[in-house]
Amino acid sequence: MLFLLPPLVEVSREGDERLDADHHPTLAEIRSWAATVDVARAARAVGISKSHLYELIKRGNAPFRVVVFGKRYRVITASLIAYLEQV
């Protein structure tokens, strides 16, 4: 007997939604996010890799507001939404 397994997905630490690597959240989904999100989630929303977004942040070229807490970066969701509404 052959059993088919569902595709491997990542469970977000920021909520119980399941995100695979190819999932780009809709603007409606993003509007339901917390006030800040991690870099990986923000990168997924704009369709770039998290390493590329980290580089943009380090160069001061991120297209939305980012705050730093110690060594952690958080993206302001309202700023991310404003950016996505423009593009």
Protein backbone atom coordinates (compact mmCIF):
# COMPACT_ATOMS: atom_id res chain seq x y z
CA MET A 1 0.00 0.00 0.00
CA LEU A 2 1.33 3.45 -0.96
CA PHE A 3 0.78 6.46 1.29
CA LEU A 4 1.19 9.96 -0.08
CA LEU A 5 2.49 12.53 2.35
CA PRO A 6 1.54 16.21 2.18
CA PRO A 7 4.23 18.61 0.98
CA LEU A 8 6.74 19.68 3.60
CA VAL A 9 5.76 23.03 5.06
CA GLU A 10 7.10 25.32 7.73
CA VAL A 11 4.97 26.26 10.70
CA SER A 12 5.35 29.95 11.41
CA ARG A 13 6.56 30.87 14.88
CA GLU A 14 4.46 34.03 14.69
CA GLY A 15 1.13 32.33 14.38
CA ASP A 16 -0.47 29.05 13.55
CA GLU A 17 -0.68 29.65 9.81
CA ARG A 18 1.27 27.22 7.68
CA LEU A 19 3.58 28.73 5.12
CA ASP A 20 5.48 26.91 2.45
CA ALA A 21 8.45 28.50 0.72
CA ASP A 22 6.39 29.48 -2.34
CA HIS A 23 3.48 31.06 -0.45
CA HIS A 24 3.25 34.82 -0.81
CA PRO A 25 0.66 36.17 1.63
CA THR A 26 -2.11 38.38 0.32
CA LEU A 27 -2.49 41.97 1.44
CA ALA A 28 -5.57 40.89 3.42
CA GLU A 29 -3.47 38.30 5.27
CA ILE A 30 -0.72 40.82 5.96
CA ARG A 31 -3.24 43.29 7.39
CA SER A 32 -4.11 40.68 10.03
CA TRP A 33 -0.49 40.31 11.19
CA ALA A 34 0.88 41.69 14.46
CA ALA A 35 2.27 45.23 14.64
CA THR A 36 5.77 43.92 13.86
CA VAL A 37 6.97 40.80 12.07
CA ASP A 38 10.28 39.04 11.65
CA VAL A 39 12.50 39.53 8.63
CA ALA A 40 11.71 36.11 7.15
CA ARG A 41 7.98 36.81 7.08
CA ALA A 42 8.43 40.31 5.63
CA ALA A 43 10.79 38.95 2.96
CA ARG A 44 8.24 36.31 2.01
CA ALA A 45 5.58 39.04 1.69
CA VAL A 46 7.63 40.99 -0.85
CA GLY A 47 8.96 37.93 -2.65
CA ILE A 48 12.66 38.15 -1.80
CA SER A 49 14.96 35.98 0.29
CA LYS A 50 15.47 36.82 3.93
CA SER A 51 19.23 37.09 3.36
CA HIS A 52 18.61 39.72 0.67
CA LEU A 53 16.33 41.67 3.01
CA TYR A 54 18.96 41.48 5.77
CA GLU A 55 21.48 42.97 3.33
CA LEU A 56 19.08 45.79 2.44
CA ILE A 57 18.51 46.47 6.13
CA LYS A 58 22.23 46.52 6.92
CA ARG A 59 22.82 48.99 4.06
CA GLY A 60 19.93 51.18 5.19
CA ASN A 61 18.00 50.46 1.97
CA ALA A 62 15.00 48.51 3.26
CA PRO A 63 11.85 49.78 1.54
CA PHE A 64 9.94 49.85 4.85
CA ARG A 65 10.59 50.66 8.52
CA VAL A 66 12.66 48.25 10.55
CA VAL A 67 13.35 48.44 14.28
CA VAL A 68 16.20 46.78 16.09
CA PHE A 69 15.88 45.08 19.47
CA GLY A 70 19.37 44.03 20.49
CA LYS A 71 20.45 41.75 17.66
CA ARG A 72 16.92 41.16 16.36
CA TYR A 73 15.30 43.05 13.51
CA ARG A 74 11.52 43.57 13.34
CA VAL A 75 9.62 45.01 10.39
CA ILE A 76 6.79 47.46 11.10
CA THR A 77 3.74 45.82 9.51
CA ALA A 78 1.99 49.14 8.73
CA SER A 79 5.08 50.27 6.84
CA LEU A 80 5.23 46.96 4.96
CA ILE A 81 1.56 47.34 3.98
CA ALA A 82 2.13 50.93 2.79
CA TYR A 83 5.04 49.73 0.63
CA LEU A 84 3.01 46.87 -0.87
CA GLU A 85 0.10 49.19 -1.66
CA GLN A 86 2.48 51.36 -3.73
CA VAL A 87 4.02 48.59 -5.82
